[in-house]
C-alpha atoms as a PDB file:
ATOM      1  CA  MET A   1     -96.526 -40.766  33.724  1.00  0.00           C
ATOM      2  CA  GLU A   2     -97.192 -37.733  35.709  1.00  0.00           C
ATOM      3  CA  ASN A   3     -93.684 -37.375  36.662  1.00  0.00           C
ATOM      4  CA  PHE A   4     -92.849 -37.575  32.912  1.00  0.00           C
ATOM      5  CA  LYS A   5     -95.535 -34.932  32.200  1.00  0.00           C
ATOM      6  CA  SER A   6     -94.241 -32.888  34.440  1.00  0.00           C
ATOM      7  CA  HIS A   7     -91.194 -32.257  32.500  1.00  0.00           C
ATOM      8  CA  PHE A   8     -92.950 -30.746  29.599  1.00  0.00           C
ATOM      9  CA  VAL A   9     -95.015 -28.338  31.812  1.00  0.00           C
ATOM     10  CA  PHE A  10     -93.652 -24.942  32.341  1.00  0.00           C
ATOM     11  CA  ASN A  11     -94.727 -21.812  34.063  1.00  0.00           C
ATOM     12  CA  ARG A  12     -94.702 -18.559  32.483  1.00  0.00           C
ATOM     13  CA  GLN A  13     -91.475 -17.383  33.041  1.00  0.00           C
ATOM     14  CA  GLN A  14     -90.060 -20.466  31.857  1.00  0.00           C
ATOM     15  CA  ARG A  15     -91.835 -20.098  28.637  1.00  0.00           C
ATOM     16  CA  ASN A  16     -90.621 -16.557  28.116  1.00  0.00           C
ATOM     17  CA  GLY A  17     -87.287 -17.608  28.630  1.00  0.00           C
ATOM     18  CA  ILE A  18     -87.326 -20.713  26.069  1.00  0.00           C
ATOM     19  CA  LEU A  19     -89.001 -18.148  23.581  1.00  0.00           C
ATOM     20  CA  PHE A  20     -86.117 -15.836  24.082  1.00  0.00           C
ATOM     21  CA  LEU A  21     -83.432 -18.369  23.674  1.00  0.00           C
ATOM     22  CA  ILE A  22     -85.080 -19.461  20.337  1.00  0.00           C
ATOM     23  CA  LEU A  23     -85.253 -15.855  18.954  1.00  0.00           C
ATOM     24  CA  LEU A  24     -81.404 -15.212  19.862  1.00  0.00           C
ATOM     25  CA  ILE A  25     -80.357 -18.689  18.327  1.00  0.00           C
ATOM     26  CA  SER A  26     -82.277 -17.830  15.194  1.00  0.00           C
ATOM     27  CA  GLY A  27     -80.931 -14.308  15.086  1.00  0.00           C
ATOM     28  CA  LEU A  28     -77.329 -15.749  15.463  1.00  0.00           C
ATOM     29  CA  LEU A  29     -78.046 -18.057  12.649  1.00  0.00           C
ATOM     30  CA  GLY A  30     -79.526 -15.269  10.302  1.00  0.00           C
ATOM     31  CA  ILE A  31     -76.358 -13.294  10.781  1.00  0.00           C
ATOM     32  CA  TYR A  32     -73.967 -16.185  10.250  1.00  0.00           C
ATOM     33  CA  TYR A  33     -75.759 -16.931   6.940  1.00  0.00           C
ATOM     34  CA  PHE A  34     -76.420 -13.478   5.530  1.00  0.00           C
ATOM     35  CA  VAL A  35     -73.427 -11.166   6.913  1.00  0.00           C
ATOM     36  CA  ASP A  36     -70.168 -11.322   4.982  1.00  0.00           C
ATOM     37  CA  PHE A  37     -67.344 -12.100   7.714  1.00  0.00           C
ATOM     38  CA  SER A  38     -64.396 -12.161   4.913  1.00  0.00           C
ATOM     39  CA  GLU A  39     -61.752  -9.814   5.689  1.00  0.00           C
ATOM     40  CA  GLU A  40     -61.490  -6.940   3.282  1.00  0.00           C
ATOM     41  CA  ASN A  41     -58.024  -6.706   1.827  1.00  0.00           C
ATOM     42  CA  LEU A  42     -56.983  -3.151   2.928  1.00  0.00           C
ATOM     43  CA  LEU A  43     -53.511  -3.022   1.719  1.00  0.00           C
ATOM     44  CA  ASP A  44     -53.045  -2.704  -2.177  1.00  0.00           C
ATOM     45  CA  ILE A  45     -49.890  -4.288  -2.880  1.00  0.00           C
ATOM     46  CA  ASN A  46     -49.776  -2.904  -6.445  1.00  0.00           C
ATOM     47  CA  SER A  47     -50.017   0.712  -5.558  1.00  0.00           C
ATOM     48  CA  PRO A  48     -46.868   2.992  -6.422  1.00  0.00           C
ATOM     49  CA  GLU A  49     -46.140   3.337  -2.475  1.00  0.00           C
ATOM     50  CA  ILE A  50     -45.907  -0.458  -2.138  1.00  0.00           C
ATOM     51  CA  ILE A  51     -43.856  -0.938  -4.889  1.00  0.00           C
ATOM     52  CA  SER A  52     -41.248   1.696  -4.044  1.00  0.00           C
ATOM     53  CA  ILE A  53     -40.825   0.263  -0.655  1.00  0.00           C
ATOM     54  CA  GLN A  54     -40.648  -3.146  -2.151  1.00  0.00           C
ATOM     55  CA  LYS A  55     -37.764  -1.763  -4.365  1.00  0.00           C
ATOM     56  CA  GLU A  56     -35.855  -0.327  -1.803  1.00  0.00           C
ATOM     57  CA  LEU A  57     -36.165  -3.632   0.523  1.00  0.00           C
ATOM     58  CA  ASP A  58     -34.772  -5.555  -2.502  1.00  0.00           C
ATOM     59  CA  SER A  59     -31.892  -3.088  -2.952  1.00  0.00           C
ATOM     60  CA  LEU A  60     -30.994  -3.236   0.604  1.00  0.00           C
ATOM     61  CA  ARG A  61     -30.950  -7.129   0.450  1.00  0.00           C
ATOM     62  CA  ILE A  62     -28.605  -6.738  -2.445  1.00  0.00           C
ATOM     63  CA  ILE A  63     -26.223  -4.641  -0.694  1.00  0.00           C
ATOM     64  CA  GLU A  64     -26.383  -7.018   2.417  1.00  0.00           C
ATOM     65  CA  ILE A  65     -25.860 -10.268   0.351  1.00  0.00           C
ATOM     66  CA  ALA A  66     -22.687  -8.388  -1.395  1.00  0.00           C
ATOM     67  CA  SER A  67     -21.416  -7.212   2.053  1.00  0.00           C
ATOM     68  CA  ARG A  68     -21.234 -10.850   3.173  1.00  0.00           C
ATOM     69  CA  LYS A  69     -18.935 -11.824   0.239  1.00  0.00           C
ATOM     70  CA  PRO A  70     -15.319 -12.050   1.185  1.00  0.00           C
ATOM     71  CA  LYS A  71     -13.701  -8.358   0.380  1.00  0.00           C
ATOM     72  CA  ILE A  72     -10.740  -8.896  -2.049  1.00  0.00           C
ATOM     73  CA  TYR A  73      -7.448  -6.807  -1.266  1.00  0.00           C
ATOM     74  CA  PRO A  74      -4.800  -5.945  -3.854  1.00  0.00           C
ATOM     75  CA  PHE A  75      -2.686  -9.242  -4.026  1.00  0.00           C
ATOM     76  CA  ASN A  76       0.388 -10.478  -5.937  1.00  0.00           C
ATOM     77  CA  PRO A  77      -0.684 -13.320  -8.226  1.00  0.00           C
ATOM     78  CA  ASN A  78       2.408 -15.291  -7.991  1.00  0.00           C
ATOM     79  CA  PHE A  79       1.192 -16.178  -4.292  1.00  0.00           C
ATOM     80  CA  ILE A  80      -2.115 -17.373  -4.606  1.00  0.00           C
ATOM     81  CA  THR A  81      -2.624 -20.301  -2.245  1.00  0.00           C
ATOM     82  CA  ASP A  82      -5.422 -23.003  -2.845  1.00  0.00           C
ATOM     83  CA  PHE A  83      -8.069 -21.496  -0.460  1.00  0.00           C
ATOM     84  CA  LYS A  84      -7.267 -17.876  -2.127  1.00  0.00           C
ATOM     85  CA  GLY A  85      -7.890 -19.300  -5.772  1.00  0.00           C
ATOM     86  CA  TYR A  86     -10.768 -21.039  -4.509  1.00  0.00           C
ATOM     87  CA  THR A  87     -12.489 -17.578  -3.104  1.00  0.00           C
ATOM     88  CA  LEU A  88     -11.474 -15.874  -6.409  1.00  0.00           C
ATOM     89  CA  GLY A  89     -13.418 -18.541  -8.251  1.00  0.00           C
ATOM     90  CA  MET A  90     -10.563 -20.509  -9.905  1.00  0.00           C
ATOM     91  CA  SER A  91     -10.772 -24.104 -10.529  1.00  0.00           C
ATOM     92  CA  PRO A  92      -8.429 -26.646  -8.997  1.00  0.00           C
ATOM     93  CA  GLU A  93      -6.742 -27.229 -12.230  1.00  0.00           C
ATOM     94  CA  GLU A  94      -6.238 -23.606 -12.892  1.00  0.00           C
ATOM     95  CA  ILE A  95      -4.608 -23.490  -9.204  1.00  0.00           C
ATOM     96  CA  ASP A  96      -2.399 -26.315  -9.773  1.00  0.00           C
ATOM     97  CA  ARG A  97      -0.979 -24.941 -13.080  1.00  0.00           C
ATOM     98  CA  LEU A  98      -0.028 -21.763 -11.189  1.00  0.00           C
ATOM     99  CA  HIS A  99       1.716 -23.768  -8.501  1.00  0.00           C
ATOM    100  CA  GLN A 100       3.420 -26.005 -11.178  1.00  0.00           C
ATOM    101  CA  PHE A 101       4.842 -22.744 -12.869  1.00  0.00           C
ATOM    102  CA  ARG A 102       6.081 -21.264  -9.702  1.00  0.00           C
ATOM    103  CA  ALA A 103       7.675 -24.742  -8.364  1.00  0.00           C
ATOM    104  CA  GLU A 104       9.808 -24.065 -11.474  1.00  0.00           C
ATOM    105  CA  ASP A 105      11.146 -20.710  -9.919  1.00  0.00           C
ATOM    106  CA  LYS A 106       9.246 -18.887 -12.665  1.00  0.00           C
ATOM    107  CA  TRP A 107       7.263 -15.677 -12.007  1.00  0.00           C
ATOM    108  CA  ILE A 108       4.292 -13.987 -13.592  1.00  0.00           C
ATOM    109  CA  ASN A 109       4.841 -10.477 -14.208  1.00  0.00           C
ATOM    110  CA  SER A 110       1.730  -9.181 -16.115  1.00  0.00           C
ATOM    111  CA  ILE A 111      -2.145 -10.269 -16.438  1.00  0.00           C
ATOM    112  CA  GLN A 112      -1.037 -11.794 -19.740  1.00  0.00           C
ATOM    113  CA  ASP A 113       1.158 -14.087 -17.790  1.00  0.00           C
ATOM    114  CA  PHE A 114      -1.382 -15.079 -15.573  1.00  0.00           C
ATOM    115  CA  LYS A 115      -3.984 -15.899 -18.409  1.00  0.00           C
ATOM    116  CA  LYS A 116      -1.317 -17.878 -20.304  1.00  0.00           C
ATOM    117  CA  VAL A 117      -0.157 -19.896 -17.443  1.00  0.00           C
ATOM    118  CA  THR A 118      -3.344 -20.700 -15.545  1.00  0.00           C
ATOM    119  CA  LYS A 119      -5.927 -20.701 -18.652  1.00  0.00           C
ATOM    120  CA  VAL A 120      -8.501 -18.903 -16.659  1.00  0.00           C
ATOM    121  CA  SER A 121     -11.594 -17.657 -18.483  1.00  0.00           C
ATOM    122  CA  ASP A 122     -11.811 -14.002 -19.727  1.00  0.00           C
ATOM    123  CA  SER A 123     -14.789 -13.362 -17.718  1.00  0.00           C
ATOM    124  CA  LEU A 124     -13.002 -14.328 -14.388  1.00  0.00           C
ATOM    125  CA  LEU A 125      -9.699 -12.576 -15.333  1.00  0.00           C
ATOM    126  CA  LYS A 126     -11.869  -9.535 -16.075  1.00  0.00           C
ATOM    127  CA  VAL A 127     -13.180  -9.638 -12.380  1.00  0.00           C
ATOM    128  CA  ILE A 128      -9.982 -10.376 -10.581  1.00  0.00           C
ATOM    129  CA  SER A 129      -7.113  -8.896 -12.528  1.00  0.00           C
ATOM    130  CA  PRO A 130      -7.894  -5.248 -11.471  1.00  0.00           C
ATOM    131  CA  TYR A 131      -6.875  -6.381  -7.820  1.00  0.00           C
ATOM    132  CA  PHE A 132      -3.509  -7.874  -9.128  1.00  0.00           C
ATOM    133  CA  LYS A 133      -0.739  -6.162  -7.317  1.00  0.00           C
ATOM    134  CA  PHE A 134       2.916  -6.383  -8.922  1.00  0.00           C
ATOM    135  CA  PRO A 135       6.179  -5.447  -7.202  1.00  0.00           C
ATOM    136  CA  GLU A 136       7.407  -1.975  -7.940  1.00  0.00           C
ATOM    137  CA  TRP A 137      10.298  -3.017 -10.174  1.00  0.00           C
ATOM    138  CA  VAL A 138       7.699  -4.907 -12.432  1.00  0.00           C
ATOM    139  CA  THR A 139       5.183  -2.075 -12.731  1.00  0.00           C
ATOM    140  CA  ASN A 140       7.678   0.774 -12.977  1.00  0.00           C
ATOM    141  CA  PRO A 141      10.999  -0.721 -14.090  1.00  0.00           C
ATOM    142  CA  LYS A 142      13.777   1.671 -14.339  1.00  0.00           C
ATOM    143  CA  PRO A 143      14.884   2.595 -17.877  1.00  0.00           C
ATOM    144  CA  LYS A 144      17.948   0.216 -18.876  1.00  0.00           C
ATOM    145  CA  LYS A 145      20.885   1.780 -19.647  1.00  0.00           C
ATOM    146  CA  GLN A 146      22.955   0.625 -22.547  1.00  0.00           C
ATOM    147  CA  ASN A 147      25.778  -1.564 -21.612  1.00  0.00           C
ATOM    148  CA  ASN A 148      24.437  -1.453 -17.950  1.00  0.00           C
ATOM    149  CA  LYS A 149      25.493  -4.876 -17.004  1.00  0.00           C
ATOM    150  CA  GLY A 150      28.720  -4.860 -19.599  1.00  0.00           C
ATOM    151  CA  PHE A 151      28.739  -8.604 -19.815  1.00  0.00           C
ATOM    152  CA  LYS A 152      27.489 -11.178 -22.129  1.00  0.00           C
ATOM    153  CA  GLU A 153      24.815 -13.286 -20.230  1.00  0.00           C
ATOM    154  CA  LYS A 154      25.213 -16.970 -19.844  1.00  0.00           C
ATOM    155  CA  SER A 155      22.832 -19.792 -19.700  1.00  0.00           C
ATOM    156  CA  PHE A 156      22.065 -21.860 -16.720  1.00  0.00           C
ATOM    157  CA  ALA A 157      24.386 -24.721 -18.245  1.00  0.00           C
ATOM    158  CA  GLN A 158      27.254 -22.501 -18.325  1.00  0.00           C
ATOM    159  CA  LYS A 159      27.182 -21.363 -14.849  1.00  0.00           C
ATOM    160  CA  ILE A 160      28.935 -22.883 -11.820  1.00  0.00           C
ATOM    161  CA  ASP A 161      26.888 -24.153  -9.002  1.00  0.00           C
ATOM    162  CA  LEU A 162      26.953 -21.413  -6.015  1.00  0.00           C
ATOM    163  CA  ASN A 163      26.933 -23.985  -3.587  1.00  0.00           C
ATOM    164  CA  LYS A 164      30.065 -25.556  -4.836  1.00  0.00           C
ATOM    165  CA  ALA A 165      32.147 -22.265  -5.855  1.00  0.00           C
ATOM    166  CA  THR A 166      35.564 -21.717  -4.173  1.00  0.00           C
ATOM    167  CA  GLU A 167      37.024 -18.565  -3.118  1.00  0.00           C
ATOM    168  CA  GLU A 168      39.311 -18.357  -5.951  1.00  0.00           C
ATOM    169  CA  GLU A 169      36.414 -18.926  -8.438  1.00  0.00           C
ATOM    170  CA  LEU A 170      34.378 -16.247  -6.910  1.00  0.00           C
ATOM    171  CA  LYS A 171      37.477 -13.888  -6.932  1.00  0.00           C
ATOM    172  CA  GLU A 172      37.313 -14.008 -10.718  1.00  0.00           C
ATOM    173  CA  VAL A 173      34.119 -11.958 -10.564  1.00  0.00           C
ATOM    174  CA  SER A 174      34.942  -8.184 -10.751  1.00  0.00           C
ATOM    175  CA  GLY A 175      34.293  -6.367  -7.704  1.00  0.00           C
ATOM    176  CA  ILE A 176      34.927  -9.426  -5.238  1.00  0.00           C
ATOM    177  CA  GLY A 177      38.339  -9.554  -3.698  1.00  0.00           C
ATOM    178  CA  GLU A 178      39.521 -11.992  -0.777  1.00  0.00           C
ATOM    179  CA  ALA A 179      37.380 -10.450   1.942  1.00  0.00           C
ATOM    180  CA  LEU A 180      34.232 -10.599   0.069  1.00  0.00           C
ATOM    181  CA  SER A 181      34.649 -14.226  -1.439  1.00  0.00           C
ATOM    182  CA  LYS A 182      35.353 -15.168   2.172  1.00  0.00           C
ATOM    183  CA  ARG A 183      32.062 -13.552   3.211  1.00  0.00           C
ATOM    184  CA  ILE A 184      30.177 -15.424   0.597  1.00  0.00           C
ATOM    185  CA  ILE A 185      31.415 -18.894   1.786  1.00  0.00           C
ATOM    186  CA  LEU A 186      30.910 -17.983   5.347  1.00  0.00           C
ATOM    187  CA  TYR A 187      27.230 -16.947   4.706  1.00  0.00           C
ATOM    188  CA  ARG A 188      26.592 -19.940   2.489  1.00  0.00           C
ATOM    189  CA  GLU A 189      27.975 -22.102   5.276  1.00  0.00           C
ATOM    190  CA  LYS A 190      25.884 -20.299   7.926  1.00  0.00           C
ATOM    191  CA  LEU A 191      23.014 -21.084   5.815  1.00  0.00           C
ATOM    192  CA  GLY A 192      23.855 -24.645   5.320  1.00  0.00           C
ATOM    193  CA  GLY A 193      23.807 -23.880   1.477  1.00  0.00           C
ATOM    194  CA  PHE A 194      22.191 -21.517  -0.883  1.00  0.00           C
ATOM    195  CA  THR A 195      18.476 -22.280  -1.619  1.00  0.00           C
ATOM    196  CA  ALA A 196      17.800 -19.537  -4.082  1.00  0.00           C
ATOM    197  CA  ASP A 197      19.960 -16.936  -5.987  1.00  0.00           C
ATOM    198  CA  SER A 198      18.298 -14.235  -4.303  1.00  0.00           C
ATOM    199  CA  GLN A 199      20.021 -15.054  -1.044  1.00  0.00           C
ATOM    200  CA  LEU A 200      23.342 -13.674  -2.400  1.00  0.00           C
ATOM    201  CA  TYR A 201      21.894 -10.213  -1.899  1.00  0.00           C
ATOM    202  CA  ASN A 202      21.972 -10.496   1.902  1.00  0.00           C
ATOM    203  CA  VAL A 203      25.686 -10.826   2.040  1.00  0.00           C
ATOM    204  CA  TYR A 204      26.939  -7.704   3.683  1.00  0.00           C
ATOM    205  CA  GLY A 205      29.179  -5.473   1.163  1.00  0.00           C
ATOM    206  CA  LEU A 206      27.958  -6.721  -2.055  1.00  0.00           C
ATOM    207  CA  ASP A 207      26.290  -4.104  -4.065  1.00  0.00           C
ATOM    208  CA  TYR A 208      23.550  -4.626  -6.920  1.00  0.00           C
ATOM    209  CA  GLN A 209      25.855  -4.842  -9.837  1.00  0.00           C
ATOM    210  CA  VAL A 210      28.468  -7.117  -8.036  1.00  0.00           C
ATOM    211  CA  VAL A 211      25.472  -9.376  -7.411  1.00  0.00           C
ATOM    212  CA  GLN A 212      24.402  -9.362 -10.949  1.00  0.00           C
ATOM    213  CA  ARG A 213      28.046 -10.162 -12.204  1.00  0.00           C
ATOM    214  CA  THR A 214      28.131 -13.045  -9.754  1.00  0.00           C
ATOM    215  CA  LEU A 215      24.884 -14.603 -10.737  1.00  0.00           C
ATOM    216  CA  ASN A 216      25.936 -14.420 -14.395  1.00  0.00           C
ATOM    217  CA  GLU A 217      28.827 -16.682 -13.576  1.00  0.00           C
ATOM    218  CA  PHE A 218      27.033 -18.797 -10.817  1.00  0.00           C
ATOM    219  CA  THR A 219      23.805 -20.047 -10.037  1.00  0.00           C
ATOM    220  CA  VAL A 220      22.124 -22.414  -7.289  1.00  0.00           C
ATOM    221  CA  LYS A 221      22.171 -25.762  -8.883  1.00  0.00           C
ATOM    222  CA  THR A 222      21.832 -28.088  -5.663  1.00  0.00           C
ATOM    223  CA  PRO A 223      19.556 -26.100  -3.401  1.00  0.00           C
ATOM    224  CA  LYS A 224      19.233 -26.713   0.334  1.00  0.00           C
ATOM    225  CA  ASP A 225      15.968 -28.331   1.147  1.00  0.00           C
ATOM    226  CA  ILE A 226      14.036 -25.909   3.699  1.00  0.00           C
ATOM    227  CA  ILE A 227      11.662 -27.302   5.996  1.00  0.00           C
ATOM    228  CA  LYS A 228       9.156 -24.128   5.896  1.00  0.00           C
ATOM    229  CA  MET A 229       7.148 -23.091   8.861  1.00  0.00           C
ATOM    230  CA  ASN A 230       3.410 -22.431   8.643  1.00  0.00           C
ATOM    231  CA  VAL A 231       3.295 -18.466   9.108  1.00  0.00           C
ATOM    232  CA  ASN A 232      -0.313 -19.161  10.950  1.00  0.00           C
ATOM    233  CA  ALA A 233       1.170 -20.879  13.539  1.00  0.00           C
ATOM    234  CA  VAL A 234       4.982 -19.999  14.274  1.00  0.00           C
ATOM    235  CA  SER A 235       5.994 -17.581  17.037  1.00  0.00           C
ATOM    236  CA  ALA A 236       7.897 -14.286  16.673  1.00  0.00           C
ATOM    237  CA  SER A 237      10.774 -16.090  17.671  1.00  0.00           C
ATOM    238  CA  ASP A 238      10.534 -18.727  14.987  1.00  0.00           C
ATOM    239  CA  ILE A 239      10.237 -15.893  12.438  1.00  0.00           C
ATOM    240  CA  ALA A 240      13.066 -14.219  13.599  1.00  0.00           C
ATOM    241  CA  THR A 241      15.466 -17.308  12.940  1.00  0.00           C
ATOM    242  CA  ILE A 242      15.093 -16.433   9.137  1.00  0.00           C
ATOM    243  CA  PRO A 243      18.248 -15.042   8.018  1.00  0.00           C
ATOM    244  CA  SER A 244      18.266 -11.221   7.484  1.00  0.00           C
ATOM    245  CA  ILE A 245      14.781 -11.002   9.118  1.00  0.00           C
ATOM    246  CA  SER A 246      15.199  -9.070  12.694  1.00  0.00           C
ATOM    247  CA  TYR A 247      13.230  -9.728  15.757  1.00  0.00           C
ATOM    248  CA  ASP A 248      11.353  -6.472  15.380  1.00  0.00           C
ATOM    249  CA  LEU A 249      10.173  -7.220  11.928  1.00  0.00           C
ATOM    250  CA  ALA A 250       9.362 -10.731  12.749  1.00  0.00           C
ATOM    251  CA  LYS A 251       7.334  -9.567  15.697  1.00  0.00           C
ATOM    252  CA  LYS A 252       5.539  -7.368  13.248  1.00  0.00           C
ATOM    253  CA  ILE A 253       4.663 -10.029  10.960  1.00  0.00           C
ATOM    254  CA  TRP A 254       3.431 -12.148  14.034  1.00  0.00           C
ATOM    255  CA  GLU A 255       1.233  -9.188  15.246  1.00  0.00           C
ATOM    256  CA  TYR A 256      -0.251  -8.704  11.958  1.00  0.00           C
ATOM    257  CA  ARG A 257      -1.396 -12.528  11.895  1.00  0.00           C
ATOM    258  CA  ILE A 258      -2.597 -12.375  15.465  1.00  0.00           C
ATOM    259  CA  LEU A 259      -4.685  -9.118  14.944  1.00  0.00           C
ATOM    260  CA  ARG A 260      -6.235 -10.623  11.736  1.00  0.00           C
ATOM    261  CA  GLU A 261      -6.430 -14.085  13.172  1.00  0.00           C
ATOM    262  CA  ARG A 262      -4.694 -15.548  10.029  1.00  0.00           C
ATOM    263  CA  VAL A 263      -2.696 -14.849   6.778  1.00  0.00           C
ATOM    264  CA  ASP A 264      -4.351 -15.957   3.427  1.00  0.00           C
ATOM    265  CA  ASP A 265      -1.936 -14.378   1.015  1.00  0.00           C
ATOM    266  CA  PHE A 266       1.602 -13.678   1.199  1.00  0.00           C
ATOM    267  CA  SER A 267       0.785 -10.303  -0.448  1.00  0.00           C
ATOM    268  CA  GLU A 268      -0.781  -8.968   2.908  1.00  0.00           C
ATOM    269  CA  LEU A 269       2.561  -9.022   4.296  1.00  0.00           C
ATOM    270  CA  GLU A 270       4.213  -6.510   1.707  1.00  0.00           C
ATOM    271  CA  ASN A 271       2.799  -3.523   3.561  1.00  0.00           C
ATOM    272  CA  ILE A 272       4.281  -4.171   7.063  1.00  0.00           C
ATOM    273  CA  GLU A 273       6.678  -1.451   8.118  1.00  0.00           C
ATOM    274  CA  GLY A 274      10.195  -2.366   7.470  1.00  0.00           C
ATOM    275  CA  MET A 275       9.309  -4.925   4.846  1.00  0.00           C
ATOM    276  CA  SER A 276      11.568  -4.472   1.802  1.00  0.00           C
ATOM    277  CA  GLN A 277      11.273  -6.578  -1.559  1.00  0.00           C
ATOM    278  CA  ARG A 278      14.377  -8.479  -0.703  1.00  0.00           C
ATOM    279  CA  LYS A 279      13.075  -9.461   2.651  1.00  0.00           C
ATOM    280  CA  PHE A 280       9.657 -10.338   1.386  1.00  0.00           C
ATOM    281  CA  ILE A 281      11.115 -12.659  -1.275  1.00  0.00           C
ATOM    282  CA  GLN A 282      13.295 -14.193   1.619  1.00  0.00           C
ATOM    283  CA  ILE A 283      10.423 -14.907   4.096  1.00  0.00           C
ATOM    284  CA  GLN A 284       8.861 -16.909   1.359  1.00  0.00           C
ATOM    285  CA  LEU A 285      11.689 -19.401   1.032  1.00  0.00           C
ATOM    286  CA  TYR A 286      11.171 -20.340   5.028  1.00  0.00           C
ATOM    287  CA  LEU A 287       7.420 -19.586   5.548  1.00  0.00           C
ATOM    288  CA  MET A 288       4.353 -21.486   3.928  1.00  0.00           C
ATOM    289  CA  LEU A 289       0.489 -20.491   4.296  1.00  0.00           C
ATOM    290  CA  GLU A 290      -1.810 -23.370   5.915  1.00  0.00           C
END
C-alpha cells in the first residue's frame, strides 16, 4: 500500500514540472481552437494580369496543337493515295471514287472536276482546294491555233491498236517515214508492248505534232501489264530500269525518298531537278506508293 501511494507523492520540482506541462497543453489547445490556420488565397485568379497570362498560354497551346498537325504541301489531286486522302479528311468512299475515275485513265483538271468525281463536301473542298497543283499545261494552256492539228479527230473505236500497228500502217501518218516507223516498232518491242499512249513521246525523233497525228490514228487497246515497284522500297538501280529515266534522275528520286524517309504523294517528285512532265507521267506507269 505504501509503495502504491509513493507513485502519487511528488516533490516540489516534480509538481512544478507537472503544472508547466498542464499549462503548455492548455495553451496549445487554446491556440488550436481559437486561431484560424486556414491558408489565405493570396492569388486572385480573376485579376486582369492573371486573365491576360491565361489567354497567352491558351494561344500558345493552340499554336502548339496546330504545329503538330501534318503540314499540307501543294499536290496534284490526280495522285491522292489512300493515306493522303485520309490525312486530308476524305472518306473511304470519296477516295475510292477518285481511284476508280483514274483507273479509267481519266484526269482531273480543275477543282470542279474534283468535286464532281469525289463528291466531297463544300466545306472540305474549301479547305484542301487551295493546295491543288495542276500541271503547267493545264493551268496555263497555250492558246489554240486554228487548224493546229490539221485533221479531224477519230473516236477510240476508229483507231488502230498501237500494239498491233505495222510499219506500213505507221508510214501512212504524215511525218513518219521508214526510219521512224521502224524506230516505233523497235521501241515497242523493247518495252514488250505499250502500256499507255504517252509512251510514244519517248520515241527518239518524233516531235509533238507527229505524235499527235499518230495518236489520232492509233491508240493502246491491249496495254502491256506492268508490275509496279514500290517507290518507298526500290533502289536507284531499280528506278533506272524505267524507260527514258536516267540513272542520275533515278538517284535523285531515291535520295529524295531517303532524306524524307518516304514519299506520300507522287506530286512531291515533280520539283526534282531534271523531272519533266513527260518523265513524271512515265514513272507513274512503273511506280506505286505503299
